[in-house]
Amino acid sequence: MLKLQLLFSGGKDSCLAAIMLQKFFEIELLTYNFAVLSNWKKAETVANMLKIRFRVVKLDKEILGIAAEQLKKDGFPSNGIKYIHKKALEHAARKSDFISDGVRRDDRIPILSLSEIRQLEDKFQVHYIQPLMGYSSKTINLLTKKFFVVEEHRSDSDFIGSEYEFELKELIKNKYGIDQVIKIFPQKHTHSIVKNI
């Protein structure tokens, strides 16, 4: 069976992507982390529920620092989060012929443009598969209710998920203060975590 590495947070999108791709690939779930927080453990718990092989990958903290500076400069998170996502995809592309993520059609970040996707595929001779790109958030919510029990948490709550955003927030809080976190990150954004299957 073909092997694929899927960027994984333990949220409903990456879980649904894993289920969809399981019929075609032997999947390894990858959660990227910078050792600022141990938030990857939440993704590992969900991976165990899915019974799919899981690995946490430590990326160089310099990548997180560059992303944090971009967020501070921009005043919003999209370019910094996209930068980390591209670095995670590039890392996965060095290890596998097939890579994937849970990015959906109406995500604002971390969507790559068609030219960025072509560059990634050509540079690393990899197949980048986006199984949720044809689905809206509304449709994904409907589908995930059939498979998972999902908890939703607002960004301004105390919840810490496995996404890059949480380590970015922690770095910015430590470097620039909590006021900058509140200023940069949208407070009404939600994060999901699968609690049961």
N, C-alpha and C. Protein backbone atom coordinates (compact mmCIF):
# COMPACT_ATOMS: atom_id res chain seq x y z
N MET A 1 0.84 -1.19 0.00
CA MET A 1 0.00 0.00 0.00
C MET A 1 0.88 1.25 0.00
N LEU A 2 0.43 2.30 -0.69
CA LEU A 2 1.16 3.56 -0.73
C LEU A 2 1.17 4.21 0.65
N LYS A 3 2.28 4.88 0.98
CA LYS A 3 2.41 5.52 2.29
C LYS A 3 2.21 7.02 2.14
N LEU A 4 1.50 7.59 3.11
CA LEU A 4 1.19 9.02 3.09
C LEU A 4 1.39 9.60 4.48
N GLN A 5 1.91 10.82 4.53
CA GLN A 5 2.05 11.53 5.79
C GLN A 5 1.04 12.67 5.82
N LEU A 6 0.22 12.68 6.87
CA LEU A 6 -0.87 13.64 7.01
C LEU A 6 -0.59 14.56 8.18
N LEU A 7 -0.56 15.86 7.93
CA LEU A 7 -0.41 16.83 9.01
C LEU A 7 -1.67 16.78 9.86
N PHE A 8 -1.49 16.64 11.16
CA PHE A 8 -2.59 16.24 12.03
C PHE A 8 -2.63 17.06 13.31
N SER A 9 -3.84 17.57 13.65
CA SER A 9 -4.01 18.33 14.89
C SER A 9 -4.92 17.63 15.89
N GLY A 10 -5.66 16.62 15.43
CA GLY A 10 -6.65 15.99 16.30
C GLY A 10 -8.00 16.66 16.24
N GLY A 11 -8.12 17.68 15.39
CA GLY A 11 -9.40 18.33 15.18
C GLY A 11 -10.23 17.60 14.14
N LYS A 12 -11.46 18.07 13.94
CA LYS A 12 -12.38 17.35 13.06
C LYS A 12 -11.91 17.31 11.61
N ASP A 13 -11.26 18.36 11.13
CA ASP A 13 -10.83 18.38 9.74
C ASP A 13 -9.74 17.35 9.46
N SER A 14 -8.70 17.34 10.26
CA SER A 14 -7.62 16.38 10.01
C SER A 14 -8.07 14.94 10.28
N CYS A 15 -9.00 14.76 11.21
CA CYS A 15 -9.54 13.41 11.47
C CYS A 15 -10.37 12.91 10.28
N LEU A 16 -11.20 13.79 9.74
CA LEU A 16 -12.00 13.40 8.58
C LEU A 16 -11.10 13.11 7.39
N ALA A 17 -10.07 13.92 7.19
CA ALA A 17 -9.11 13.66 6.10
C ALA A 17 -8.47 12.29 6.27
N ALA A 18 -8.11 11.93 7.50
CA ALA A 18 -7.48 10.63 7.76
C ALA A 18 -8.42 9.49 7.40
N ILE A 19 -9.68 9.60 7.79
CA ILE A 19 -10.65 8.55 7.49
C ILE A 19 -10.85 8.41 5.97
N MET A 20 -10.92 9.55 5.28
CA MET A 20 -11.12 9.52 3.84
C MET A 20 -9.93 8.89 3.10
N LEU A 21 -8.73 9.15 3.59
CA LEU A 21 -7.53 8.69 2.90
C LEU A 21 -7.14 7.25 3.25
N GLN A 22 -7.69 6.73 4.35
CA GLN A 22 -7.33 5.39 4.83
C GLN A 22 -7.59 4.29 3.81
N LYS A 23 -8.55 4.47 2.94
CA LYS A 23 -8.88 3.45 1.95
C LYS A 23 -7.80 3.30 0.90
N PHE A 24 -7.00 4.33 0.72
CA PHE A 24 -6.02 4.35 -0.35
C PHE A 24 -4.57 4.30 0.11
N PHE A 25 -4.33 4.68 1.37
CA PHE A 25 -2.96 4.85 1.84
C PHE A 25 -2.74 4.24 3.22
N GLU A 26 -1.51 3.87 3.47
CA GLU A 26 -1.05 3.59 4.84
C GLU A 26 -0.62 4.94 5.39
N ILE A 27 -1.32 5.41 6.40
CA ILE A 27 -1.14 6.79 6.87
C ILE A 27 -0.27 6.87 8.12
N GLU A 28 0.56 7.88 8.14
CA GLU A 28 1.25 8.28 9.37
C GLU A 28 0.80 9.70 9.68
N LEU A 29 0.26 9.89 10.87
CA LEU A 29 -0.19 11.21 11.31
C LEU A 29 0.98 11.96 11.92
N LEU A 30 1.21 13.18 11.45
CA LEU A 30 2.33 13.99 11.95
C LEU A 30 1.80 15.26 12.60
N THR A 31 2.21 15.48 13.84
CA THR A 31 1.92 16.75 14.50
C THR A 31 3.24 17.47 14.69
N TYR A 32 3.30 18.69 14.17
CA TYR A 32 4.53 19.48 14.23
C TYR A 32 4.51 20.37 15.47
N ASN A 33 5.66 20.44 16.14
CA ASN A 33 5.75 21.09 17.44
C ASN A 33 7.12 21.74 17.56
N PHE A 34 7.21 22.76 18.41
CA PHE A 34 8.46 23.49 18.61
C PHE A 34 9.00 23.36 20.02
N ALA A 35 8.42 22.49 20.82
CA ALA A 35 8.83 22.26 22.21
C ALA A 35 8.63 23.49 23.09
N VAL A 36 7.74 24.39 22.68
CA VAL A 36 7.34 25.52 23.53
C VAL A 36 6.25 25.04 24.47
N LEU A 37 5.34 24.23 23.93
CA LEU A 37 4.26 23.60 24.69
C LEU A 37 4.27 22.10 24.39
N SER A 38 3.67 21.32 25.26
CA SER A 38 3.52 19.89 24.97
C SER A 38 2.09 19.61 24.48
N ASN A 39 1.55 20.54 23.72
CA ASN A 39 0.17 20.44 23.23
C ASN A 39 -0.02 19.32 22.21
N TRP A 40 1.04 18.77 21.67
CA TRP A 40 0.96 17.66 20.72
C TRP A 40 0.31 16.42 21.35
N LYS A 41 0.33 16.33 22.68
CA LYS A 41 -0.24 15.15 23.36
C LYS A 41 -1.73 14.99 23.08
N LYS A 42 -2.44 16.11 22.86
CA LYS A 42 -3.87 16.01 22.53
C LYS A 42 -4.06 15.33 21.18
N ALA A 43 -3.22 15.66 20.22
CA ALA A 43 -3.29 15.01 18.90
C ALA A 43 -2.96 13.53 19.01
N GLU A 44 -1.99 13.19 19.84
CA GLU A 44 -1.62 11.79 20.03
C GLU A 44 -2.79 10.98 20.59
N THR A 45 -3.51 11.55 21.54
CA THR A 45 -4.68 10.88 22.13
C THR A 45 -5.72 10.57 21.06
N VAL A 46 -5.97 11.54 20.18
CA VAL A 46 -6.95 11.33 19.11
C VAL A 46 -6.44 10.31 18.10
N ALA A 47 -5.15 10.36 17.77
CA ALA A 47 -4.57 9.38 16.85
C ALA A 47 -4.73 7.96 17.39
N ASN A 48 -4.55 7.80 18.69
CA ASN A 48 -4.75 6.49 19.31
C ASN A 48 -6.19 6.02 19.17
N MET A 49 -7.15 6.95 19.29
CA MET A 49 -8.56 6.59 19.10
C MET A 49 -8.81 6.14 17.65
N LEU A 50 -8.15 6.82 16.71
CA LEU A 50 -8.30 6.46 15.30
C LEU A 50 -7.55 5.19 14.94
N LYS A 51 -6.61 4.78 15.82
CA LYS A 51 -5.77 3.61 15.59
C LYS A 51 -4.92 3.77 14.33
N ILE A 52 -4.36 4.97 14.20
CA ILE A 52 -3.46 5.27 13.09
C ILE A 52 -2.12 5.70 13.68
N ARG A 53 -1.06 5.23 13.04
CA ARG A 53 0.29 5.53 13.52
C ARG A 53 0.50 7.05 13.62
N PHE A 54 1.14 7.46 14.71
CA PHE A 54 1.30 8.89 15.01
C PHE A 54 2.76 9.18 15.34
N ARG A 55 3.18 10.38 14.94
CA ARG A 55 4.52 10.83 15.32
C ARG A 55 4.50 12.34 15.52
N VAL A 56 5.16 12.79 16.58
CA VAL A 56 5.34 14.22 16.78
C VAL A 56 6.70 14.58 16.19
N VAL A 57 6.73 15.68 15.45
CA VAL A 57 7.95 16.13 14.78
C VAL A 57 8.32 17.50 15.34
N LYS A 58 9.52 17.61 15.87
CA LYS A 58 10.00 18.88 16.40
C LYS A 58 10.64 19.68 15.28
N LEU A 59 10.11 20.85 15.02
CA LEU A 59 10.69 21.76 14.04
C LEU A 59 11.60 22.75 14.76
N ASP A 60 12.52 23.31 14.03
CA ASP A 60 13.47 24.29 14.55
C ASP A 60 12.71 25.51 15.08
N LYS A 61 13.04 25.93 16.28
CA LYS A 61 12.36 27.09 16.90
C LYS A 61 12.56 28.37 16.10
N GLU A 62 13.58 28.39 15.26
CA GLU A 62 13.81 29.57 14.42
C GLU A 62 12.60 29.81 13.49
N ILE A 63 11.98 28.72 13.02
CA ILE A 63 10.79 28.83 12.17
C ILE A 63 9.67 29.52 12.94
N LEU A 64 9.48 29.13 14.18
CA LEU A 64 8.45 29.75 15.03
C LEU A 64 8.76 31.22 15.25
N GLY A 65 10.03 31.52 15.47
CA GLY A 65 10.44 32.91 15.69
C GLY A 65 10.18 33.78 14.47
N ILE A 66 10.49 33.27 13.29
CA ILE A 66 10.24 34.02 12.05
C ILE A 66 8.75 34.25 11.87
N ALA A 67 7.95 33.22 12.15
CA ALA A 67 6.49 33.35 12.04
C ALA A 67 5.97 34.38 13.03
N ALA A 68 6.47 34.36 14.26
CA ALA A 68 6.03 35.32 15.28
C ALA A 68 6.35 36.76 14.87
N GLU A 69 7.54 36.96 14.31
CA GLU A 69 7.91 38.30 13.83
C GLU A 69 6.98 38.76 12.71
N GLN A 70 6.59 37.81 11.84
CA GLN A 70 5.67 38.14 10.74
C GLN A 70 4.31 38.55 11.29
N LEU A 71 3.83 37.82 12.30
CA LEU A 71 2.55 38.16 12.93
C LEU A 71 2.61 39.55 13.56
N LYS A 72 3.68 39.81 14.26
CA LYS A 72 3.84 41.11 14.94
C LYS A 72 3.85 42.24 13.90
N LYS A 73 4.56 42.01 12.80
CA LYS A 73 4.66 43.02 11.74
C LYS A 73 3.30 43.23 11.06
N ASP A 74 2.61 42.14 10.74
CA ASP A 74 1.33 42.22 10.03
C ASP A 74 0.18 42.68 10.91
N GLY A 75 0.20 42.25 12.18
CA GLY A 75 -0.92 42.53 13.06
C GLY A 75 -2.06 41.53 12.91
N PHE A 76 -1.82 40.46 12.15
CA PHE A 76 -2.79 39.38 11.99
C PHE A 76 -2.01 38.08 11.72
N PRO A 77 -2.65 36.92 11.94
CA PRO A 77 -1.88 35.66 11.96
C PRO A 77 -1.68 34.94 10.64
N SER A 78 -2.38 35.29 9.57
CA SER A 78 -2.40 34.41 8.39
C SER A 78 -1.05 34.13 7.76
N ASN A 79 -0.22 35.12 7.51
CA ASN A 79 1.06 34.88 6.84
C ASN A 79 2.02 34.06 7.70
N GLY A 80 2.02 34.31 8.99
CA GLY A 80 2.91 33.55 9.89
C GLY A 80 2.51 32.10 10.00
N ILE A 81 1.20 31.84 10.12
CA ILE A 81 0.72 30.45 10.22
C ILE A 81 0.96 29.72 8.89
N LYS A 82 0.74 30.41 7.78
CA LYS A 82 0.99 29.80 6.46
C LYS A 82 2.48 29.46 6.31
N TYR A 83 3.35 30.32 6.80
CA TYR A 83 4.80 30.06 6.74
C TYR A 83 5.15 28.76 7.47
N ILE A 84 4.61 28.58 8.67
CA ILE A 84 4.87 27.35 9.43
C ILE A 84 4.29 26.15 8.68
N HIS A 85 3.09 26.30 8.15
CA HIS A 85 2.44 25.19 7.44
C HIS A 85 3.28 24.75 6.23
N LYS A 86 3.80 25.72 5.51
CA LYS A 86 4.65 25.39 4.35
C LYS A 86 5.91 24.65 4.80
N LYS A 87 6.50 25.07 5.90
CA LYS A 87 7.70 24.40 6.42
C LYS A 87 7.38 22.98 6.86
N ALA A 88 6.20 22.78 7.46
CA ALA A 88 5.78 21.43 7.88
C ALA A 88 5.55 20.55 6.64
N LEU A 89 4.89 21.08 5.63
CA LEU A 89 4.67 20.32 4.39
C LEU A 89 5.99 19.97 3.72
N GLU A 90 6.93 20.90 3.71
CA GLU A 90 8.23 20.64 3.10
C GLU A 90 8.96 19.54 3.86
N HIS A 91 8.87 19.57 5.18
CA HIS A 91 9.50 18.52 5.99
C HIS A 91 8.90 17.16 5.65
N ALA A 92 7.57 17.09 5.61
CA ALA A 92 6.89 15.83 5.28
C ALA A 92 7.25 15.37 3.87
N ALA A 93 7.38 16.32 2.96
CA ALA A 93 7.68 16.00 1.55
C ALA A 93 9.06 15.37 1.39
N ARG A 94 9.96 15.65 2.31
CA ARG A 94 11.31 15.04 2.25
C ARG A 94 11.28 13.57 2.67
N LYS A 95 10.19 13.16 3.33
CA LYS A 95 10.12 11.82 3.90
C LYS A 95 9.13 10.91 3.19
N SER A 96 8.29 11.46 2.32
CA SER A 96 7.21 10.66 1.74
C SER A 96 6.89 11.14 0.33
N ASP A 97 6.38 10.24 -0.49
CA ASP A 97 5.95 10.60 -1.84
C ASP A 97 4.56 11.21 -1.85
N PHE A 98 3.80 11.01 -0.76
CA PHE A 98 2.44 11.52 -0.65
C PHE A 98 2.29 12.26 0.68
N ILE A 99 1.83 13.50 0.60
CA ILE A 99 1.60 14.29 1.81
C ILE A 99 0.18 14.87 1.75
N SER A 100 -0.36 15.20 2.92
CA SER A 100 -1.72 15.70 2.96
C SER A 100 -1.94 16.54 4.22
N ASP A 101 -3.09 17.21 4.24
CA ASP A 101 -3.50 17.97 5.41
C ASP A 101 -5.03 18.04 5.45
N GLY A 102 -5.56 18.73 6.42
CA GLY A 102 -7.01 18.85 6.57
C GLY A 102 -7.54 20.20 6.15
N VAL A 103 -6.84 20.88 5.24
CA VAL A 103 -7.30 22.19 4.78
C VAL A 103 -8.57 22.02 3.94
N ARG A 104 -9.57 22.84 4.23
CA ARG A 104 -10.85 22.75 3.51
C ARG A 104 -11.06 23.98 2.63
N ARG A 105 -12.09 23.93 1.81
CA ARG A 105 -12.35 24.97 0.80
C ARG A 105 -12.47 26.37 1.39
N ASP A 106 -13.16 26.51 2.51
CA ASP A 106 -13.39 27.85 3.04
C ASP A 106 -12.45 28.24 4.18
N ASP A 107 -11.35 27.49 4.33
CA ASP A 107 -10.32 27.93 5.27
C ASP A 107 -9.70 29.23 4.74
N ARG A 108 -9.37 30.12 5.63
CA ARG A 108 -8.64 31.32 5.22
C ARG A 108 -7.15 31.08 5.28
N ILE A 109 -6.74 30.35 6.27
CA ILE A 109 -5.34 29.96 6.41
C ILE A 109 -5.30 28.51 6.84
N PRO A 110 -4.34 27.75 6.52
CA PRO A 110 -3.12 28.07 5.78
C PRO A 110 -3.15 27.60 4.33
N ILE A 111 -4.07 28.09 3.54
CA ILE A 111 -4.23 27.66 2.15
C ILE A 111 -3.06 28.13 1.29
N LEU A 112 -2.50 27.19 0.53
CA LEU A 112 -1.46 27.51 -0.44
C LEU A 112 -2.12 27.83 -1.78
N SER A 113 -1.53 28.74 -2.52
CA SER A 113 -2.03 29.05 -3.86
C SER A 113 -1.68 27.89 -4.80
N LEU A 114 -2.30 27.85 -5.97
CA LEU A 114 -1.99 26.80 -6.94
C LEU A 114 -0.52 26.83 -7.34
N SER A 115 0.06 28.02 -7.50
CA SER A 115 1.48 28.09 -7.87
C SER A 115 2.37 27.59 -6.73
N GLU A 116 1.99 27.86 -5.48
CA GLU A 116 2.76 27.35 -4.34
C GLU A 116 2.67 25.83 -4.26
N ILE A 117 1.50 25.28 -4.57
CA ILE A 117 1.33 23.83 -4.57
C ILE A 117 2.21 23.20 -5.65
N ARG A 118 2.18 23.79 -6.84
CA ARG A 118 3.02 23.28 -7.94
C ARG A 118 4.49 23.34 -7.57
N GLN A 119 4.93 24.44 -6.98
CA GLN A 119 6.32 24.58 -6.56
C GLN A 119 6.71 23.49 -5.56
N LEU A 120 5.83 23.26 -4.58
CA LEU A 120 6.08 22.23 -3.58
C LEU A 120 6.19 20.86 -4.23
N GLU A 121 5.24 20.53 -5.09
CA GLU A 121 5.24 19.22 -5.74
C GLU A 121 6.45 19.04 -6.65
N ASP A 122 6.80 20.09 -7.40
CA ASP A 122 7.93 20.00 -8.32
C ASP A 122 9.27 19.94 -7.59
N LYS A 123 9.41 20.77 -6.58
CA LYS A 123 10.68 20.83 -5.83
C LYS A 123 10.99 19.52 -5.12
N PHE A 124 9.95 18.89 -4.53
CA PHE A 124 10.17 17.69 -3.73
C PHE A 124 9.70 16.40 -4.41
N GLN A 125 9.22 16.53 -5.66
CA GLN A 125 8.71 15.36 -6.38
C GLN A 125 7.72 14.59 -5.51
N VAL A 126 6.72 15.32 -5.03
CA VAL A 126 5.75 14.78 -4.08
C VAL A 126 4.34 15.00 -4.60
N HIS A 127 3.40 14.19 -4.14
CA HIS A 127 1.98 14.38 -4.42
C HIS A 127 1.35 15.02 -3.18
N TYR A 128 0.81 16.22 -3.33
CA TYR A 128 0.16 16.93 -2.23
C TYR A 128 -1.35 16.77 -2.40
N ILE A 129 -1.96 16.03 -1.50
CA ILE A 129 -3.37 15.69 -1.59
C ILE A 129 -4.16 16.48 -0.55
N GLN A 130 -5.23 17.13 -1.01
CA GLN A 130 -6.08 17.92 -0.13
C GLN A 130 -7.51 17.37 -0.20
N PRO A 131 -7.81 16.32 0.55
CA PRO A 131 -9.10 15.64 0.40
C PRO A 131 -10.31 16.47 0.80
N LEU A 132 -10.11 17.53 1.59
CA LEU A 132 -11.26 18.33 2.04
C LEU A 132 -11.43 19.62 1.23
N MET A 133 -10.60 19.84 0.23
CA MET A 133 -10.64 21.11 -0.49
C MET A 133 -11.98 21.36 -1.18
N GLY A 134 -12.70 20.33 -1.51
CA GLY A 134 -14.02 20.52 -2.13
C GLY A 134 -15.16 20.68 -1.15
N TYR A 135 -14.86 20.66 0.15
CA TYR A 135 -15.91 20.69 1.18
C TYR A 135 -15.90 22.01 1.95
N SER A 136 -17.08 22.49 2.25
CA SER A 136 -17.20 23.68 3.10
C SER A 136 -17.23 23.26 4.56
N SER A 137 -17.08 24.21 5.44
CA SER A 137 -17.15 23.96 6.88
C SER A 137 -18.51 23.37 7.25
N LYS A 138 -19.56 23.88 6.63
CA LYS A 138 -20.92 23.40 6.90
C LYS A 138 -21.04 21.90 6.58
N THR A 139 -20.50 21.50 5.43
CA THR A 139 -20.56 20.09 5.03
C THR A 139 -19.70 19.23 5.94
N ILE A 140 -18.52 19.71 6.29
CA ILE A 140 -17.63 18.96 7.18
C ILE A 140 -18.28 18.76 8.54
N ASN A 141 -18.96 19.78 9.05
CA ASN A 141 -19.67 19.63 10.33
C ASN A 141 -20.71 18.52 10.24
N LEU A 142 -21.42 18.45 9.13
CA LEU A 142 -22.43 17.42 8.92
C LEU A 142 -21.80 16.02 8.87
N LEU A 143 -20.70 15.90 8.14
CA LEU A 143 -20.03 14.61 8.01
C LEU A 143 -19.39 14.14 9.31
N THR A 144 -18.75 15.06 10.02
CA THR A 144 -18.05 14.66 11.24
C THR A 144 -19.01 14.21 12.33
N LYS A 145 -20.23 14.71 12.31
CA LYS A 145 -21.23 14.26 13.29
C LYS A 145 -21.53 12.77 13.15
N LYS A 146 -21.30 12.23 11.96
CA LYS A 146 -21.54 10.80 11.72
C LYS A 146 -20.43 9.93 12.31
N PHE A 147 -19.23 10.49 12.47
CA PHE A 147 -18.06 9.71 12.89
C PHE A 147 -17.55 10.04 14.28
N PHE A 148 -17.66 11.30 14.69
CA PHE A 148 -16.95 11.76 15.88
C PHE A 148 -17.86 12.50 16.85
N VAL A 149 -17.41 12.51 18.11
CA VAL A 149 -17.92 13.46 19.09
C VAL A 149 -16.87 14.57 19.14
N VAL A 150 -17.29 15.78 18.83
CA VAL A 150 -16.35 16.89 18.68
C VAL A 150 -16.66 17.98 19.69
N GLU A 151 -15.62 18.53 20.29
CA GLU A 151 -15.76 19.72 21.15
C GLU A 151 -15.22 20.91 20.38
N GLU A 152 -15.93 22.03 20.46
CA GLU A 152 -15.49 23.28 19.83
C GLU A 152 -15.11 24.26 20.94
N HIS A 153 -14.00 24.97 20.72
CA HIS A 153 -13.52 25.94 21.71
C HIS A 153 -13.17 27.25 21.01
N ARG A 154 -13.59 28.35 21.60
CA ARG A 154 -13.22 29.66 21.05
C ARG A 154 -11.75 29.96 21.35
N SER A 155 -11.15 30.75 20.46
CA SER A 155 -9.74 31.12 20.63
C SER A 155 -9.46 31.87 21.92
N ASP A 156 -10.46 32.60 22.41
CA ASP A 156 -10.22 33.37 23.62
C ASP A 156 -10.49 32.57 24.90
N SER A 157 -10.73 31.26 24.76
CA SER A 157 -10.91 30.41 25.95
C SER A 157 -9.55 29.91 26.42
N ASP A 158 -9.55 29.11 27.48
CA ASP A 158 -8.31 28.55 28.02
C ASP A 158 -7.86 27.30 27.28
N PHE A 159 -8.63 26.86 26.30
CA PHE A 159 -8.31 25.65 25.55
C PHE A 159 -6.99 25.82 24.79
N ILE A 160 -6.17 24.76 24.83
CA ILE A 160 -4.93 24.72 24.06
C ILE A 160 -4.97 23.47 23.20
N GLY A 161 -5.02 23.68 21.88
CA GLY A 161 -5.02 22.56 20.94
C GLY A 161 -3.63 22.27 20.42
N SER A 162 -3.56 21.37 19.45
CA SER A 162 -2.26 20.94 18.91
C SER A 162 -1.81 21.74 17.70
N GLU A 163 -2.60 22.72 17.26
CA GLU A 163 -2.24 23.52 16.10
C GLU A 163 -1.05 24.43 16.39
N TYR A 164 -0.40 24.89 15.29
CA TYR A 164 0.76 25.79 15.42
C TYR A 164 0.39 27.05 16.18
N GLU A 165 -0.85 27.49 16.02
CA GLU A 165 -1.29 28.77 16.58
C GLU A 165 -1.00 28.89 18.08
N PHE A 166 -1.13 27.78 18.80
CA PHE A 166 -1.01 27.86 20.25
C PHE A 166 0.43 28.10 20.70
N GLU A 167 1.38 27.52 20.01
CA GLU A 167 2.78 27.82 20.35
C GLU A 167 3.16 29.22 19.90
N LEU A 168 2.59 29.68 18.78
CA LEU A 168 2.80 31.06 18.35
C LEU A 168 2.28 32.03 19.40
N LYS A 169 1.07 31.76 19.90
CA LYS A 169 0.50 32.62 20.94
C LYS A 169 1.40 32.67 22.18
N GLU A 170 1.90 31.49 22.56
CA GLU A 170 2.75 31.42 23.76
C GLU A 170 4.04 32.21 23.57
N LEU A 171 4.65 32.08 22.40
CA LEU A 171 5.89 32.82 22.12
C LEU A 171 5.63 34.33 22.11
N ILE A 172 4.56 34.75 21.46
CA ILE A 172 4.23 36.17 21.40
C ILE A 172 3.90 36.71 22.78
N LYS A 173 3.16 35.92 23.56
CA LYS A 173 2.84 36.34 24.94
C LYS A 173 4.11 36.54 25.76
N ASN A 174 5.05 35.58 25.65
CA ASN A 174 6.29 35.66 26.42
C ASN A 174 7.20 36.80 25.95
N LYS A 175 7.16 37.08 24.65
CA LYS A 175 8.07 38.08 24.08
C LYS A 175 7.49 39.50 24.10
N TYR A 176 6.18 39.60 23.82
CA TYR A 176 5.58 40.92 23.66
C TYR A 176 4.43 41.22 24.63
N GLY A 177 3.94 40.19 25.34
CA GLY A 177 2.85 40.40 26.28
C GLY A 177 1.51 39.92 25.75
N ILE A 178 0.61 39.65 26.67
CA ILE A 178 -0.71 39.12 26.34
C ILE A 178 -1.53 40.09 25.49
N ASP A 179 -1.29 41.39 25.64
CA ASP A 179 -2.04 42.38 24.86
C ASP A 179 -1.80 42.18 23.36
N GLN A 180 -0.59 41.80 22.99
CA GLN A 180 -0.29 41.57 21.57
C GLN A 180 -1.00 40.33 21.05
N VAL A 181 -1.12 39.31 21.89
CA VAL A 181 -1.86 38.10 21.50
C VAL A 181 -3.30 38.46 21.21
N ILE A 182 -3.91 39.24 22.10
CA ILE A 182 -5.31 39.66 21.94
C ILE A 182 -5.47 40.52 20.69
N LYS A 183 -4.49 41.37 20.42
CA LYS A 183 -4.54 42.27 19.26
C LYS A 183 -4.40 41.50 17.94
N ILE A 184 -3.52 40.50 17.91
CA ILE A 184 -3.18 39.81 16.66
C ILE A 184 -4.19 38.72 16.29
N PHE A 185 -4.61 37.93 17.28
CA PHE A 185 -5.44 36.76 16.98
C PHE A 185 -6.92 37.07 17.10
N PRO A 186 -7.73 36.64 16.12
CA PRO A 186 -9.18 36.86 16.22
C PRO A 186 -9.76 36.08 17.39
N GLN A 187 -10.58 36.75 18.19
CA GLN A 187 -11.08 36.14 19.42
C GLN A 187 -12.27 35.22 19.20
N LYS A 188 -12.96 35.35 18.07
CA LYS A 188 -14.14 34.53 17.83
C LYS A 188 -13.84 33.28 17.01
N HIS A 189 -12.60 33.08 16.64
CA HIS A 189 -12.22 31.90 15.89
C HIS A 189 -12.39 30.66 16.79
N THR A 190 -12.76 29.52 16.21
CA THR A 190 -12.93 28.30 17.02
C THR A 190 -11.96 27.22 16.59
N HIS A 191 -11.63 26.37 17.54
CA HIS A 191 -10.80 25.18 17.32
C HIS A 191 -11.59 23.96 17.78
N SER A 192 -11.40 22.88 17.05
CA SER A 192 -12.11 21.65 17.44
C SER A 192 -11.10 20.59 17.91
N ILE A 193 -11.61 19.70 18.73
CA ILE A 193 -10.83 18.52 19.13
C ILE A 193 -11.82 17.34 19.18
N VAL A 194 -11.40 16.23 18.60
CA VAL A 194 -12.26 15.03 18.62
C VAL A 194 -12.12 14.38 19.99
N LYS A 195 -13.25 14.14 20.64
CA LYS A 195 -13.25 13.56 21.98
C LYS A 195 -13.59 12.07 21.99
N ASN A 196 -14.29 11.62 20.95
CA ASN A 196 -14.66 10.22 20.89
C ASN A 196 -14.99 9.86 19.44
N ILE A 197 -14.86 8.57 19.18
CA ILE A 197 -15.11 8.07 17.81
C ILE A 197 -16.17 6.98 17.88
